[in-house]
Amino acid sequence: MKTVIQRVTEARVDVNGECVGSIGAGLLVLLGVHADDTEEDADFLADKIVHLRVFEDASGRMNRSLLDIGGDLLVVSQFTLLGDCRKGRRPSWSAAAPPEQAQHLYRYFAAQIRQHGIHTETGRFRAHMQVSLVNDGPVTLLLDSQ
């Protein structure tokens, strides 16, 4: 699994003009599922993300986690993270998981985050979405389960 993680003061995702998920301060996670990914990959990433120390403490150092601040998480499925642009001008999606597998692992990942007690919102799988966010910092990290 590949992720782009952004620390946000707020984020939302809309489908056809309707808000389907929104959060306040916390993390926006764009999640791409590889064809070889399993629930173990989702478990690893969920645990890693909720414990990432990317929020500032009283000294201004990034020393607090999503759990520490009681923040929210918005996860949006984004298969384009698996696009391979090394050859030609059109990305190859051959590394991306088939939709049924990707949807299962996307939902499983969100459930694992919720099990940590984190308020978690999601986008709509396989929908054309508009994602809005205020990146705080900016702080943007790439994390891969491999």
C-alpha atoms as a PDB file:
ATOM      1  CA  MET A   1       0.000   0.000   0.000  1.00  0.00           C
ATOM      2  CA  LYS A   2       1.142   3.483  -0.788  1.00  0.00           C
ATOM      3  CA  THR A   3      -0.023   6.548   1.074  1.00  0.00           C
ATOM      4  CA  VAL A   4       0.307  10.283   0.905  1.00  0.00           C
ATOM      5  CA  ILE A   5      -0.295  11.659   4.407  1.00  0.00           C
ATOM      6  CA  GLN A   6      -1.038  15.328   4.943  1.00  0.00           C
ATOM      7  CA  ARG A   7      -1.392  17.086   8.281  1.00  0.00           C
ATOM      8  CA  VAL A   8      -4.478  19.267   7.973  1.00  0.00           C
ATOM      9  CA  THR A   9      -6.493  21.784   9.940  1.00  0.00           C
ATOM     10  CA  GLU A  10      -9.517  20.638   7.937  1.00  0.00           C
ATOM     11  CA  ALA A  11     -10.316  18.448   4.944  1.00  0.00           C
ATOM     12  CA  ARG A  12     -13.373  17.289   3.050  1.00  0.00           C
ATOM     13  CA  VAL A  13     -14.311  15.155   0.092  1.00  0.00           C
ATOM     14  CA  ASP A  14     -17.259  15.845  -2.195  1.00  0.00           C
ATOM     15  CA  VAL A  15     -19.001  13.690  -4.792  1.00  0.00           C
ATOM     16  CA  ASN A  16     -21.380  15.395  -7.225  1.00  0.00           C
ATOM     17  CA  GLY A  17     -21.501  18.493  -5.023  1.00  0.00           C
ATOM     18  CA  GLU A  18     -22.345  16.498  -1.879  1.00  0.00           C
ATOM     19  CA  CYS A  19     -19.962  16.297   1.069  1.00  0.00           C
ATOM     20  CA  VAL A  20     -19.397  12.600   1.809  1.00  0.00           C
ATOM     21  CA  GLY A  21     -16.680  13.052   4.441  1.00  0.00           C
ATOM     22  CA  SER A  22     -15.117  15.898   6.393  1.00  0.00           C
ATOM     23  CA  ILE A  23     -12.755  16.319   9.323  1.00  0.00           C
ATOM     24  CA  GLY A  24     -11.221  19.003  11.465  1.00  0.00           C
ATOM     25  CA  ALA A  25      -7.609  18.908  12.607  1.00  0.00           C
ATOM     26  CA  GLY A  26      -5.870  15.641  11.866  1.00  0.00           C
ATOM     27  CA  LEU A  27      -4.609  13.700   8.878  1.00  0.00           C
ATOM     28  CA  LEU A  28      -5.753  13.269   5.298  1.00  0.00           C
ATOM     29  CA  VAL A  29      -4.581   9.909   3.923  1.00  0.00           C
ATOM     30  CA  LEU A  30      -4.633   9.187   0.200  1.00  0.00           C
ATOM     31  CA  LEU A  31      -4.451   5.387  -0.073  1.00  0.00           C
ATOM     32  CA  GLY A  32      -3.358   3.315  -3.053  1.00  0.00           C
ATOM     33  CA  VAL A  33      -3.666  -0.468  -2.911  1.00  0.00           C
ATOM     34  CA  HIS A  34      -1.097  -2.631  -4.721  1.00  0.00           C
ATOM     35  CA  ALA A  35      -2.094  -5.976  -6.237  1.00  0.00           C
ATOM     36  CA  ASP A  36       0.180  -7.783  -3.738  1.00  0.00           C
ATOM     37  CA  ASP A  37      -1.196  -6.031  -0.635  1.00  0.00           C
ATOM     38  CA  THR A  38      -2.856  -7.916   2.210  1.00  0.00           C
ATOM     39  CA  GLU A  39      -4.611  -7.120   5.470  1.00  0.00           C
ATOM     40  CA  GLU A  40      -1.164  -7.245   7.115  1.00  0.00           C
ATOM     41  CA  ASP A  41      -0.132  -4.237   5.013  1.00  0.00           C
ATOM     42  CA  ALA A  42      -3.248  -2.373   6.131  1.00  0.00           C
ATOM     43  CA  ASP A  43      -2.586  -3.304   9.786  1.00  0.00           C
ATOM     44  CA  PHE A  44       0.994  -2.045   9.536  1.00  0.00           C
ATOM     45  CA  LEU A  45       0.003   1.274   7.958  1.00  0.00           C
ATOM     46  CA  ALA A  46      -2.922   1.904  10.303  1.00  0.00           C
ATOM     47  CA  ASP A  47      -0.748   1.379  13.365  1.00  0.00           C
ATOM     48  CA  LYS A  48       2.104   3.436  11.920  1.00  0.00           C
ATOM     49  CA  ILE A  49      -0.121   6.354  10.915  1.00  0.00           C
ATOM     50  CA  VAL A  50      -2.019   6.738  14.200  1.00  0.00           C
ATOM     51  CA  HIS A  51       1.309   6.771  16.076  1.00  0.00           C
ATOM     52  CA  LEU A  52       3.251   9.064  13.694  1.00  0.00           C
ATOM     53  CA  ARG A  53       4.573  11.988  15.710  1.00  0.00           C
ATOM     54  CA  VAL A  54       3.812  14.817  13.273  1.00  0.00           C
ATOM     55  CA  PHE A  55       1.914  17.226  15.520  1.00  0.00           C
ATOM     56  CA  GLU A  56       3.667  19.896  17.536  1.00  0.00           C
ATOM     57  CA  ASP A  57       4.130  19.739  21.293  1.00  0.00           C
ATOM     58  CA  ALA A  58       4.334  22.763  23.632  1.00  0.00           C
ATOM     59  CA  SER A  59       7.933  23.342  22.481  1.00  0.00           C
ATOM     60  CA  GLY A  60       6.956  23.473  18.804  1.00  0.00           C
ATOM     61  CA  ARG A  61       8.577  20.114  18.004  1.00  0.00           C
ATOM     62  CA  MET A  62       6.770  17.432  16.027  1.00  0.00           C
ATOM     63  CA  ASN A  63       6.423  15.077  18.956  1.00  0.00           C
ATOM     64  CA  ARG A  64       2.708  14.253  19.218  1.00  0.00           C
ATOM     65  CA  SER A  65       0.625  11.670  17.369  1.00  0.00           C
ATOM     66  CA  LEU A  66      -2.928  11.648  16.079  1.00  0.00           C
ATOM     67  CA  LEU A  67      -3.837   9.704  19.224  1.00  0.00           C
ATOM     68  CA  ASP A  68      -2.134  12.288  21.441  1.00  0.00           C
ATOM     69  CA  ILE A  69      -4.072  15.227  19.998  1.00  0.00           C
ATOM     70  CA  GLY A  70      -7.409  13.419  19.587  1.00  0.00           C
ATOM     71  CA  GLY A  71      -7.372  14.285  15.884  1.00  0.00           C
ATOM     72  CA  ASP A  72      -9.497  13.038  13.009  1.00  0.00           C
ATOM     73  CA  LEU A  73      -8.558  11.089   9.888  1.00  0.00           C
ATOM     74  CA  LEU A  74      -9.997  11.258   6.377  1.00  0.00           C
ATOM     75  CA  VAL A  75      -9.005   8.399   4.078  1.00  0.00           C
ATOM     76  CA  VAL A  76      -9.528   8.663   0.326  1.00  0.00           C
ATOM     77  CA  SER A  77      -8.922   5.775  -2.075  1.00  0.00           C
ATOM     78  CA  GLN A  78      -6.516   6.820  -4.829  1.00  0.00           C
ATOM     79  CA  PHE A  79      -5.422   4.080  -7.198  1.00  0.00           C
ATOM     80  CA  THR A  80      -3.397   6.616  -9.204  1.00  0.00           C
ATOM     81  CA  LEU A  81      -0.696   6.384  -6.517  1.00  0.00           C
ATOM     82  CA  LEU A  82       0.183   3.057  -8.156  1.00  0.00           C
ATOM     83  CA  GLY A  83       0.655   4.645 -11.584  1.00  0.00           C
ATOM     84  CA  ASP A  84       3.957   3.761 -13.216  1.00  0.00           C
ATOM     85  CA  CYS A  85       5.186   6.671 -15.356  1.00  0.00           C
ATOM     86  CA  ARG A  86       8.612   5.319 -16.264  1.00  0.00           C
ATOM     87  CA  LYS A  87       7.726   4.414 -19.855  1.00  0.00           C
ATOM     88  CA  GLY A  88       5.807   6.433 -22.388  1.00  0.00           C
ATOM     89  CA  ARG A  89       3.453   9.270 -21.544  1.00  0.00           C
ATOM     90  CA  ARG A  90       0.475   7.376 -20.185  1.00  0.00           C
ATOM     91  CA  PRO A  91       0.778   5.850 -16.699  1.00  0.00           C
ATOM     92  CA  SER A  92       0.452   2.094 -16.374  1.00  0.00           C
ATOM     93  CA  TRP A  93      -1.966   0.883 -13.705  1.00  0.00           C
ATOM     94  CA  SER A  94      -0.870  -2.762 -13.838  1.00  0.00           C
ATOM     95  CA  ALA A  95       0.455  -2.684 -10.237  1.00  0.00           C
ATOM     96  CA  ALA A  96      -2.877  -1.517  -8.801  1.00  0.00           C
ATOM     97  CA  ALA A  97      -5.135  -4.048  -7.101  1.00  0.00           C
ATOM     98  CA  PRO A  98      -8.350  -5.079  -8.847  1.00  0.00           C
ATOM     99  CA  PRO A  99     -11.359  -3.063  -7.596  1.00  0.00           C
ATOM    100  CA  GLU A 100     -12.803  -5.810  -5.353  1.00  0.00           C
ATOM    101  CA  GLN A 101      -9.498  -6.360  -3.534  1.00  0.00           C
ATOM    102  CA  ALA A 102      -8.773  -2.630  -3.307  1.00  0.00           C
ATOM    103  CA  GLN A 103     -12.216  -1.843  -1.900  1.00  0.00           C
ATOM    104  CA  HIS A 104     -11.910  -4.569   0.723  1.00  0.00           C
ATOM    105  CA  LEU A 105      -8.472  -3.354   1.878  1.00  0.00           C
ATOM    106  CA  TYR A 106      -9.577   0.304   1.782  1.00  0.00           C
ATOM    107  CA  ARG A 107     -12.531  -0.461   4.065  1.00  0.00           C
ATOM    108  CA  TYR A 108     -10.395  -2.732   6.238  1.00  0.00           C
ATOM    109  CA  PHE A 109      -7.776   0.023   6.634  1.00  0.00           C
ATOM    110  CA  ALA A 110     -10.437   2.544   7.730  1.00  0.00           C
ATOM    111  CA  ALA A 111     -11.833   0.001  10.211  1.00  0.00           C
ATOM    112  CA  GLN A 112      -8.358  -0.550  11.672  1.00  0.00           C
ATOM    113  CA  ILE A 113      -7.940   3.198  12.190  1.00  0.00           C
ATOM    114  CA  ARG A 114     -11.351   3.333  13.910  1.00  0.00           C
ATOM    115  CA  GLN A 115     -10.294   0.505  16.245  1.00  0.00           C
ATOM    116  CA  HIS A 116      -7.683   2.897  17.624  1.00  0.00           C
ATOM    117  CA  GLY A 117     -10.532   5.218  18.656  1.00  0.00           C
ATOM    118  CA  ILE A 118      -9.866   7.739  15.870  1.00  0.00           C
ATOM    119  CA  HIS A 119     -12.855   9.531  14.311  1.00  0.00           C
ATOM    120  CA  THR A 120     -12.483   8.394  10.683  1.00  0.00           C
ATOM    121  CA  GLU A 121     -14.283   9.607   7.593  1.00  0.00           C
ATOM    122  CA  THR A 122     -13.918   8.233   4.062  1.00  0.00           C
ATOM    123  CA  GLY A 123     -14.412   9.198   0.474  1.00  0.00           C
ATOM    124  CA  ARG A 124     -16.561   7.127  -1.860  1.00  0.00           C
ATOM    125  CA  PHE A 125     -14.765   4.214  -3.499  1.00  0.00           C
ATOM    126  CA  ARG A 126     -14.547   4.415  -7.329  1.00  0.00           C
ATOM    127  CA  ALA A 127     -16.285   7.793  -7.429  1.00  0.00           C
ATOM    128  CA  HIS A 128     -14.971  10.962  -9.032  1.00  0.00           C
ATOM    129  CA  MET A 129     -14.174  13.051  -5.947  1.00  0.00           C
ATOM    130  CA  GLN A 130     -13.112  16.592  -5.181  1.00  0.00           C
ATOM    131  CA  VAL A 131     -10.799  16.705  -2.166  1.00  0.00           C
ATOM    132  CA  SER A 132     -10.329  20.004  -0.332  1.00  0.00           C
ATOM    133  CA  LEU A 133      -7.852  20.539   2.456  1.00  0.00           C
ATOM    134  CA  VAL A 134      -5.865  23.048   4.405  1.00  0.00           C
ATOM    135  CA  ASN A 135      -2.398  21.510   4.716  1.00  0.00           C
ATOM    136  CA  ASP A 136      -0.966  22.518   8.082  1.00  0.00           C
ATOM    137  CA  GLY A 137       2.741  23.291   7.991  1.00  0.00           C
ATOM    138  CA  PRO A 138       2.765  22.148   5.231  1.00  0.00           C
ATOM    139  CA  VAL A 139       3.437  18.605   6.388  1.00  0.00           C
ATOM    140  CA  THR A 140       3.212  15.934   3.685  1.00  0.00           C
ATOM    141  CA  LEU A 141       4.699  12.445   4.037  1.00  0.00           C
ATOM    142  CA  LEU A 142       4.915   9.392   1.813  1.00  0.00           C
ATOM    143  CA  LEU A 143       4.538   5.999   3.456  1.00  0.00           C
ATOM    144  CA  ASP A 144       4.624   2.587   1.821  1.00  0.00           C
ATOM    145  CA  SER A 145       3.839  -0.717   3.551  1.00  0.00           C
ATOM    146  CA  GLN A 146       6.773  -2.303   1.687  1.00  0.00           C
END
